[in-house]
């Protein structure tokens, strides 16, 4: 069963992505609805998995995590493919892990305190079963970094029911 995001839901999503701690009364005022109507819409967005969580955005540099790096990893053999993901997804310095096309099988975004910590981390990754190669790029400057996604009116797909955008 599919659901829709209307213009009001999209506006609520935009507001919450920019100010996650926004009071429901302020959201209600912005979208010109009652607090109870906004609360109900937010509940439905949460139930449908559109809103996954509410989190704080932390300045990594203030925590002395000064090095951001992207690591392209080549994992040999399908038997090691998912084991690699299981190994790295709980590692503290790993922010993102993606399965990719092209050279390598995975791309990771990591943050460490310094290059010494990054080197230790790379040694740990290279020691994992099936890892045949890593290529690392260290970020010099970051001009944009966000988890905010565009929210527009649309039909949602219920992946739990086996639906997909291609259906």
N, C-alpha and C. Protein backbone atom coordinates (compact mmCIF):
# COMPACT_ATOMS: atom_id res chain seq x y z
N UNK A 1 0.85 -1.18 0.00
CA UNK A 1 0.00 0.00 0.00
C UNK A 1 0.89 1.24 0.00
N UNK A 2 0.59 2.16 -0.87
CA UNK A 2 1.39 3.37 -0.94
C UNK A 2 0.70 4.51 -0.19
N UNK A 3 1.49 5.46 0.23
CA UNK A 3 1.01 6.64 0.93
C UNK A 3 1.57 7.85 0.20
N UNK A 4 1.01 9.00 0.50
CA UNK A 4 1.49 10.21 -0.16
C UNK A 4 2.05 11.20 0.85
N UNK A 5 2.94 12.03 0.34
CA UNK A 5 3.44 13.19 1.08
C UNK A 5 2.82 14.38 0.38
N UNK A 6 2.02 15.13 1.09
CA UNK A 6 1.44 16.32 0.48
C UNK A 6 2.32 17.54 0.78
N UNK A 7 1.88 18.70 0.34
CA UNK A 7 2.69 19.92 0.53
C UNK A 7 2.93 20.24 2.00
N UNK A 8 1.94 19.97 2.84
CA UNK A 8 2.11 20.25 4.28
C UNK A 8 3.12 19.30 4.90
N UNK A 9 3.02 18.00 4.56
CA UNK A 9 4.02 17.04 5.06
C UNK A 9 5.42 17.44 4.60
N UNK A 10 5.54 17.85 3.34
CA UNK A 10 6.84 18.26 2.81
C UNK A 10 7.38 19.45 3.58
N UNK A 11 6.52 20.40 3.89
CA UNK A 11 6.95 21.58 4.66
C UNK A 11 7.37 21.18 6.07
N UNK A 12 6.63 20.27 6.70
CA UNK A 12 7.00 19.78 8.03
C UNK A 12 8.37 19.12 7.98
N UNK A 13 8.60 18.31 6.96
CA UNK A 13 9.91 17.64 6.82
C UNK A 13 11.03 18.65 6.63
N UNK A 14 10.80 19.66 5.81
CA UNK A 14 11.81 20.70 5.60
C UNK A 14 12.13 21.41 6.92
N UNK A 15 11.10 21.77 7.67
CA UNK A 15 11.31 22.47 8.94
C UNK A 15 12.09 21.60 9.93
N UNK A 16 11.69 20.34 10.07
CA UNK A 16 12.33 19.47 11.05
C UNK A 16 13.76 19.11 10.67
N UNK A 17 14.03 19.05 9.37
CA UNK A 17 15.41 18.77 8.96
C UNK A 17 16.33 19.93 9.28
N UNK A 18 15.81 21.13 9.27
CA UNK A 18 16.64 22.29 9.55
C UNK A 18 16.71 22.61 11.04
N UNK A 19 15.61 22.33 11.74
CA UNK A 19 15.57 22.61 13.18
C UNK A 19 14.85 21.45 13.87
N UNK A 20 15.58 20.38 14.13
CA UNK A 20 15.00 19.16 14.69
C UNK A 20 14.37 19.32 16.05
N UNK A 21 14.80 20.34 16.80
CA UNK A 21 14.24 20.56 18.13
C UNK A 21 13.08 21.55 18.13
N UNK A 22 12.62 21.87 16.96
CA UNK A 22 11.53 22.84 16.82
C UNK A 22 10.29 22.34 17.58
N UNK A 23 9.68 23.21 18.35
CA UNK A 23 8.47 22.87 19.08
C UNK A 23 7.33 22.62 18.10
N UNK A 24 6.47 21.66 18.46
CA UNK A 24 5.34 21.37 17.58
C UNK A 24 4.44 22.58 17.39
N UNK A 25 4.35 23.42 18.41
CA UNK A 25 3.53 24.63 18.28
C UNK A 25 4.11 25.56 17.21
N UNK A 26 5.44 25.63 17.13
CA UNK A 26 6.07 26.46 16.10
C UNK A 26 5.88 25.86 14.71
N UNK A 27 5.98 24.52 14.63
CA UNK A 27 5.73 23.84 13.35
C UNK A 27 4.28 24.11 12.92
N UNK A 28 3.36 23.97 13.86
CA UNK A 28 1.94 24.20 13.57
C UNK A 28 1.70 25.61 13.04
N UNK A 29 2.35 26.57 13.64
CA UNK A 29 2.21 27.96 13.19
C UNK A 29 2.75 28.14 11.77
N UNK A 30 3.90 27.52 11.50
CA UNK A 30 4.52 27.64 10.16
C UNK A 30 3.66 27.03 9.06
N UNK A 31 2.97 25.92 9.36
CA UNK A 31 2.17 25.23 8.33
C UNK A 31 0.68 25.54 8.45
N UNK A 32 0.34 26.40 9.40
CA UNK A 32 -1.04 26.85 9.58
C UNK A 32 -2.00 25.70 9.88
N UNK A 33 -1.58 24.85 10.83
CA UNK A 33 -2.43 23.76 11.32
C UNK A 33 -2.44 23.78 12.84
N UNK A 34 -3.33 23.01 13.43
CA UNK A 34 -3.34 22.88 14.89
C UNK A 34 -2.17 22.01 15.34
N UNK A 35 -1.82 22.12 16.60
CA UNK A 35 -0.74 21.30 17.15
C UNK A 35 -1.10 19.83 17.04
N UNK A 36 -2.35 19.48 17.32
CA UNK A 36 -2.75 18.06 17.24
C UNK A 36 -2.66 17.54 15.81
N UNK A 37 -3.01 18.36 14.82
CA UNK A 37 -2.91 17.93 13.42
C UNK A 37 -1.45 17.72 13.02
N UNK A 38 -0.57 18.61 13.46
CA UNK A 38 0.86 18.46 13.18
C UNK A 38 1.40 17.22 13.87
N UNK A 39 1.00 17.00 15.12
CA UNK A 39 1.46 15.82 15.87
C UNK A 39 1.04 14.54 15.16
N UNK A 40 -0.18 14.51 14.65
CA UNK A 40 -0.67 13.33 13.94
C UNK A 40 0.11 13.11 12.64
N UNK A 41 0.38 14.17 11.91
CA UNK A 41 1.16 14.05 10.68
C UNK A 41 2.58 13.55 10.98
N UNK A 42 3.18 14.10 12.03
CA UNK A 42 4.53 13.66 12.40
C UNK A 42 4.53 12.19 12.81
N UNK A 43 3.50 11.78 13.55
CA UNK A 43 3.40 10.38 13.97
C UNK A 43 3.33 9.46 12.75
N UNK A 44 2.52 9.84 11.76
CA UNK A 44 2.39 9.03 10.55
C UNK A 44 3.70 8.99 9.77
N UNK A 45 4.40 10.12 9.69
CA UNK A 45 5.69 10.16 9.00
C UNK A 45 6.70 9.27 9.71
N UNK A 46 6.64 9.22 11.02
CA UNK A 46 7.53 8.34 11.80
C UNK A 46 7.15 6.88 11.57
N UNK A 47 5.86 6.55 11.65
CA UNK A 47 5.39 5.17 11.46
C UNK A 47 5.76 4.64 10.08
N UNK A 48 5.69 5.48 9.08
CA UNK A 48 5.99 5.06 7.70
C UNK A 48 7.48 5.03 7.41
N UNK A 49 8.28 5.44 8.39
CA UNK A 49 9.73 5.40 8.22
C UNK A 49 10.30 6.58 7.45
N UNK A 50 9.48 7.58 7.16
CA UNK A 50 9.98 8.76 6.47
C UNK A 50 10.89 9.53 7.42
N UNK A 51 10.43 9.73 8.65
CA UNK A 51 11.28 10.28 9.70
C UNK A 51 11.84 9.09 10.46
N UNK A 52 13.15 8.87 10.33
CA UNK A 52 13.79 7.73 10.97
C UNK A 52 14.18 8.02 12.41
N UNK A 53 14.62 9.26 12.68
CA UNK A 53 15.16 9.57 13.99
C UNK A 53 15.32 11.08 14.13
N UNK A 54 15.53 11.52 15.33
CA UNK A 54 15.86 12.91 15.62
C UNK A 54 17.23 12.90 16.27
N UNK A 55 18.20 13.57 15.66
CA UNK A 55 19.57 13.52 16.18
C UNK A 55 20.17 14.91 16.25
N UNK A 56 21.23 15.01 17.03
CA UNK A 56 21.99 16.25 17.12
C UNK A 56 23.09 16.24 16.05
N UNK A 57 23.34 17.37 15.45
CA UNK A 57 24.45 17.51 14.51
C UNK A 57 25.64 18.02 15.31
N UNK A 58 26.69 17.22 15.36
CA UNK A 58 27.85 17.51 16.19
C UNK A 58 29.00 18.01 15.31
N UNK A 59 29.69 19.03 15.76
CA UNK A 59 30.86 19.56 15.05
C UNK A 59 32.05 18.67 15.38
N UNK A 60 32.44 17.83 14.43
CA UNK A 60 33.53 16.87 14.65
C UNK A 60 34.85 17.55 15.00
N UNK A 61 35.10 18.69 14.41
CA UNK A 61 36.36 19.40 14.69
C UNK A 61 36.45 19.82 16.14
N UNK A 62 35.33 20.19 16.74
CA UNK A 62 35.34 20.57 18.16
C UNK A 62 35.66 19.37 19.05
N UNK A 63 35.42 18.18 18.53
CA UNK A 63 35.76 16.95 19.26
C UNK A 63 37.14 16.43 18.84
N UNK A 64 37.87 17.28 18.15
CA UNK A 64 39.23 17.00 17.67
C UNK A 64 39.29 15.80 16.72
N UNK A 65 38.25 15.64 15.95
CA UNK A 65 38.27 14.66 14.87
C UNK A 65 38.53 15.46 13.59
N UNK A 66 39.81 15.77 13.38
CA UNK A 66 40.21 16.72 12.34
C UNK A 66 40.36 16.12 10.95
N UNK A 67 40.49 14.82 10.85
CA UNK A 67 40.73 14.18 9.55
C UNK A 67 39.45 13.50 9.06
N UNK A 68 39.01 13.90 7.88
CA UNK A 68 37.93 13.21 7.18
C UNK A 68 38.56 12.54 5.97
N UNK A 69 38.23 11.28 5.78
CA UNK A 69 38.80 10.55 4.64
C UNK A 69 37.73 9.68 4.00
N UNK A 70 37.88 9.50 2.69
CA UNK A 70 37.06 8.56 1.95
C UNK A 70 37.96 7.40 1.57
N UNK A 71 37.53 6.20 1.89
CA UNK A 71 38.34 5.01 1.65
C UNK A 71 37.58 4.09 0.70
N UNK A 72 38.17 3.86 -0.46
CA UNK A 72 37.61 2.91 -1.42
C UNK A 72 38.23 1.55 -1.10
N UNK A 73 37.38 0.56 -0.89
CA UNK A 73 37.84 -0.76 -0.46
C UNK A 73 37.45 -1.79 -1.51
N UNK A 74 38.40 -2.66 -1.86
CA UNK A 74 38.10 -3.79 -2.73
C UNK A 74 38.04 -5.04 -1.87
N UNK A 75 36.89 -5.71 -1.93
CA UNK A 75 36.71 -6.96 -1.18
C UNK A 75 36.56 -8.07 -2.21
N UNK A 76 37.41 -9.08 -2.11
CA UNK A 76 37.39 -10.19 -3.05
C UNK A 76 36.41 -11.27 -2.59
N UNK A 77 35.61 -11.74 -3.51
CA UNK A 77 34.74 -12.88 -3.24
C UNK A 77 33.46 -12.50 -2.52
N UNK A 78 32.36 -13.09 -2.99
CA UNK A 78 31.06 -12.79 -2.40
C UNK A 78 30.96 -13.27 -0.96
N UNK A 79 31.74 -14.27 -0.58
CA UNK A 79 31.69 -14.75 0.80
C UNK A 79 32.21 -13.71 1.80
N UNK A 80 33.04 -12.79 1.33
CA UNK A 80 33.58 -11.75 2.21
C UNK A 80 32.80 -10.44 2.14
N UNK A 81 31.99 -10.30 1.11
CA UNK A 81 31.31 -9.03 0.83
C UNK A 81 30.49 -8.53 2.02
N UNK A 82 29.54 -9.35 2.49
CA UNK A 82 28.67 -8.92 3.59
C UNK A 82 29.37 -9.02 4.94
N UNK A 83 30.32 -9.93 5.06
CA UNK A 83 31.10 -10.00 6.30
C UNK A 83 31.88 -8.71 6.52
N UNK A 84 32.39 -8.14 5.43
CA UNK A 84 33.11 -6.88 5.53
C UNK A 84 32.19 -5.79 6.09
N UNK A 85 30.99 -5.70 5.55
CA UNK A 85 30.03 -4.69 6.01
C UNK A 85 29.73 -4.89 7.49
N UNK A 86 29.50 -6.12 7.91
CA UNK A 86 29.22 -6.40 9.32
C UNK A 86 30.38 -5.98 10.21
N UNK A 87 31.60 -6.17 9.74
CA UNK A 87 32.78 -5.81 10.53
C UNK A 87 32.92 -4.30 10.69
N UNK A 88 32.67 -3.55 9.62
CA UNK A 88 32.97 -2.11 9.68
C UNK A 88 31.81 -1.25 10.15
N UNK A 89 30.58 -1.74 10.05
CA UNK A 89 29.45 -0.86 10.36
C UNK A 89 29.40 -0.44 11.83
N UNK A 90 30.02 -1.17 12.72
CA UNK A 90 30.03 -0.80 14.13
C UNK A 90 31.33 -0.14 14.58
N UNK A 91 32.25 0.08 13.65
CA UNK A 91 33.51 0.74 14.01
C UNK A 91 33.26 2.22 14.27
N UNK A 92 33.83 2.73 15.35
CA UNK A 92 33.56 4.10 15.79
C UNK A 92 33.85 5.17 14.75
N UNK A 93 34.91 5.04 14.01
CA UNK A 93 35.33 6.11 13.10
C UNK A 93 34.58 6.10 11.77
N UNK A 94 33.82 5.04 11.51
CA UNK A 94 33.11 4.91 10.24
C UNK A 94 31.79 5.67 10.30
N UNK A 95 31.65 6.66 9.44
CA UNK A 95 30.42 7.45 9.37
C UNK A 95 29.45 6.89 8.33
N UNK A 96 30.00 6.39 7.23
CA UNK A 96 29.17 5.87 6.14
C UNK A 96 29.88 4.68 5.50
N UNK A 97 29.08 3.72 5.02
CA UNK A 97 29.60 2.60 4.23
C UNK A 97 28.63 2.40 3.08
N UNK A 98 29.16 2.42 1.86
CA UNK A 98 28.33 2.28 0.66
C UNK A 98 28.86 1.15 -0.21
N UNK A 99 27.95 0.40 -0.82
CA UNK A 99 28.32 -0.54 -1.87
C UNK A 99 28.32 0.26 -3.16
N UNK A 100 29.39 0.13 -3.96
CA UNK A 100 29.55 1.00 -5.13
C UNK A 100 29.85 0.21 -6.39
N UNK A 101 29.71 0.88 -7.52
CA UNK A 101 30.15 0.34 -8.80
C UNK A 101 31.52 0.92 -9.11
N UNK A 102 32.13 0.40 -10.15
CA UNK A 102 33.45 0.91 -10.54
C UNK A 102 34.55 0.22 -9.75
N UNK A 103 35.67 0.91 -9.63
CA UNK A 103 36.82 0.36 -8.92
C UNK A 103 36.47 0.20 -7.44
N UNK A 104 36.68 -0.99 -6.93
CA UNK A 104 36.37 -1.26 -5.53
C UNK A 104 34.95 -1.76 -5.36
N UNK A 105 34.65 -2.21 -4.16
CA UNK A 105 33.32 -2.72 -3.87
C UNK A 105 32.59 -1.85 -2.85
N UNK A 106 33.35 -1.12 -2.04
CA UNK A 106 32.75 -0.30 -0.99
C UNK A 106 33.45 1.06 -0.90
N UNK A 107 32.70 2.06 -0.47
CA UNK A 107 33.25 3.37 -0.19
C UNK A 107 32.85 3.74 1.23
N UNK A 108 33.84 4.12 2.03
CA UNK A 108 33.59 4.48 3.42
C UNK A 108 34.00 5.93 3.65
N UNK A 109 33.24 6.59 4.50
CA UNK A 109 33.61 7.92 4.98
C UNK A 109 33.97 7.74 6.45
N UNK A 110 35.17 8.20 6.81
CA UNK A 110 35.63 8.04 8.19
C UNK A 110 36.13 9.37 8.74
N UNK A 111 36.13 9.48 10.06
CA UNK A 111 36.71 10.64 10.75
C UNK A 111 37.64 10.12 11.83
N UNK A 112 38.85 10.70 11.86
CA UNK A 112 39.82 10.36 12.90
C UNK A 112 40.46 11.64 13.43
N UNK A 113 41.16 11.50 14.53
CA UNK A 113 41.80 12.66 15.17
C UNK A 113 42.95 13.20 14.34
N UNK A 114 43.72 12.28 13.74
CA UNK A 114 44.92 12.70 13.01
C UNK A 114 45.32 11.60 12.04
N UNK A 115 46.40 11.84 11.30
CA UNK A 115 46.83 10.85 10.30
C UNK A 115 47.36 9.58 10.95
N UNK A 116 47.89 9.68 12.15
CA UNK A 116 48.36 8.48 12.86
C UNK A 116 47.17 7.57 13.16
N UNK A 117 46.08 8.14 13.63
CA UNK A 117 44.87 7.35 13.91
C UNK A 117 44.29 6.79 12.62
N UNK A 118 44.34 7.56 11.54
CA UNK A 118 43.86 7.07 10.25
C UNK A 118 44.70 5.90 9.77
N UNK A 119 46.01 5.99 9.94
CA UNK A 119 46.89 4.90 9.53
C UNK A 119 46.58 3.62 10.32
N UNK A 120 46.35 3.75 11.61
CA UNK A 120 45.97 2.58 12.43
C UNK A 120 44.65 1.99 11.94
N UNK A 121 43.70 2.87 11.66
CA UNK A 121 42.40 2.43 11.16
C UNK A 121 42.56 1.68 9.84
N UNK A 122 43.36 2.22 8.94
CA UNK A 122 43.59 1.56 7.64
C UNK A 122 44.22 0.19 7.82
N UNK A 123 45.13 0.07 8.76
CA UNK A 123 45.74 -1.24 9.04
C UNK A 123 44.70 -2.24 9.49
N UNK A 124 43.77 -1.78 10.33
CA UNK A 124 42.69 -2.67 10.79
C UNK A 124 41.80 -3.10 9.63
N UNK A 125 41.47 -2.17 8.74
CA UNK A 125 40.63 -2.48 7.58
C UNK A 125 41.35 -3.45 6.65
N UNK A 126 42.62 -3.19 6.38
CA UNK A 126 43.38 -4.03 5.46
C UNK A 126 43.59 -5.44 5.99
N UNK A 127 43.46 -5.62 7.30
CA UNK A 127 43.62 -6.94 7.90
C UNK A 127 42.33 -7.77 7.87
N UNK A 128 41.23 -7.18 7.47
CA UNK A 128 39.97 -7.92 7.44
C UNK A 128 39.98 -8.95 6.32
N UNK A 129 39.35 -10.11 6.55
CA UNK A 129 39.31 -11.16 5.53
C UNK A 129 38.68 -10.67 4.23
N UNK A 130 39.35 -10.94 3.12
CA UNK A 130 38.83 -10.59 1.81
C UNK A 130 39.23 -9.21 1.30
N UNK A 131 39.75 -8.35 2.16
CA UNK A 131 40.15 -7.01 1.71
C UNK A 131 41.45 -7.14 0.92
N UNK A 132 41.39 -6.77 -0.36
CA UNK A 132 42.57 -6.91 -1.21
C UNK A 132 43.24 -5.58 -1.51
N UNK A 133 42.48 -4.47 -1.35
CA UNK A 133 43.05 -3.18 -1.69
C UNK A 133 42.24 -2.07 -1.04
N UNK A 134 42.94 -1.01 -0.63
CA UNK A 134 42.27 0.22 -0.18
C UNK A 134 42.93 1.40 -0.87
N UNK A 135 42.12 2.40 -1.18
CA UNK A 135 42.61 3.66 -1.72
C UNK A 135 41.98 4.76 -0.89
N UNK A 136 42.81 5.63 -0.33
CA UNK A 136 42.32 6.64 0.61
C UNK A 136 42.52 8.04 0.05
N UNK A 137 41.48 8.85 0.18
CA UNK A 137 41.56 10.28 -0.14
C UNK A 137 41.23 11.06 1.13
N UNK A 138 42.15 11.94 1.52
CA UNK A 138 41.95 12.77 2.70
C UNK A 138 41.33 14.10 2.26
N UNK A 139 40.30 14.52 2.96
CA UNK A 139 39.59 15.76 2.64
C UNK A 139 40.42 16.94 3.11
N UNK A 140 40.65 17.90 2.22
CA UNK A 140 41.36 19.13 2.57
C UNK A 140 40.39 20.20 3.07
N UNK A 141 39.27 20.35 2.38
CA UNK A 141 38.25 21.34 2.76
C UNK A 141 36.87 20.75 2.48
N UNK A 142 35.92 21.10 3.31
CA UNK A 142 34.53 20.68 3.11
C UNK A 142 33.70 21.93 2.90
N UNK A 143 33.03 22.00 1.76
CA UNK A 143 32.23 23.16 1.43
C UNK A 143 30.75 22.95 1.72
N UNK A 144 30.32 21.71 1.68
CA UNK A 144 28.94 21.39 2.03
C UNK A 144 28.91 19.97 2.57
N UNK A 145 28.23 19.81 3.68
CA UNK A 145 28.04 18.49 4.28
C UNK A 145 26.70 18.53 4.98
N UNK A 146 25.77 17.72 4.53
CA UNK A 146 24.42 17.76 5.10
C UNK A 146 23.78 16.39 5.02
N UNK A 147 22.80 16.18 5.85
CA UNK A 147 21.95 14.99 5.75
C UNK A 147 20.54 15.41 5.34
N UNK A 148 20.37 16.70 5.05
CA UNK A 148 19.08 17.22 4.65
C UNK A 148 18.79 16.80 3.21
N UNK A 149 17.60 16.25 2.99
CA UNK A 149 17.20 15.85 1.64
C UNK A 149 16.00 16.69 1.22
N UNK A 150 15.84 16.92 -0.08
CA UNK A 150 14.68 17.69 -0.54
C UNK A 150 13.38 16.95 -0.21
N UNK A 151 12.41 17.67 0.27
CA UNK A 151 11.10 17.08 0.56
C UNK A 151 10.08 17.74 -0.35
N UNK A 152 9.42 16.91 -1.14
CA UNK A 152 8.42 17.40 -2.09
C UNK A 152 7.20 16.51 -2.01
N UNK A 153 6.03 17.03 -2.40
CA UNK A 153 4.86 16.15 -2.46
C UNK A 153 5.14 14.98 -3.40
N UNK A 154 4.78 13.78 -2.96
CA UNK A 154 5.03 12.59 -3.77
C UNK A 154 4.30 11.40 -3.19
N UNK A 155 4.29 10.33 -3.96
CA UNK A 155 3.77 9.06 -3.47
C UNK A 155 4.93 8.28 -2.88
N UNK A 156 4.70 7.72 -1.69
CA UNK A 156 5.73 6.90 -1.04
C UNK A 156 5.53 5.45 -1.44
N UNK A 157 6.59 4.69 -1.36
CA UNK A 157 6.52 3.26 -1.61
C UNK A 157 6.72 2.52 -0.32
N UNK A 158 5.95 1.46 -0.13
CA UNK A 158 6.05 0.65 1.07
C UNK A 158 6.95 -0.54 0.75
N UNK A 159 8.23 -0.40 1.05
CA UNK A 159 9.20 -1.44 0.73
C UNK A 159 8.94 -2.71 1.53
N UNK A 160 8.28 -2.61 2.68
CA UNK A 160 7.97 -3.79 3.48
C UNK A 160 6.95 -4.68 2.78
N UNK A 161 6.15 -4.11 1.88
CA UNK A 161 5.17 -4.89 1.14
C UNK A 161 5.71 -5.37 -0.20
N UNK A 162 7.00 -5.20 -0.43
CA UNK A 162 7.61 -5.64 -1.67
C UNK A 162 7.46 -4.65 -2.81
N UNK A 163 6.91 -3.49 -2.53
CA UNK A 163 6.76 -2.46 -3.55
C UNK A 163 8.09 -1.79 -3.80
N UNK A 164 8.30 -1.33 -5.01
CA UNK A 164 9.49 -0.55 -5.32
C UNK A 164 9.11 0.50 -6.35
N UNK A 165 9.95 1.53 -6.50
CA UNK A 165 9.65 2.57 -7.48
C UNK A 165 9.49 2.03 -8.90
N UNK A 166 10.09 0.89 -9.21
CA UNK A 166 10.02 0.33 -10.56
C UNK A 166 8.70 -0.39 -10.81
N UNK A 167 7.94 -0.69 -9.75
CA UNK A 167 6.68 -1.43 -9.92
C UNK A 167 5.63 -0.61 -10.62
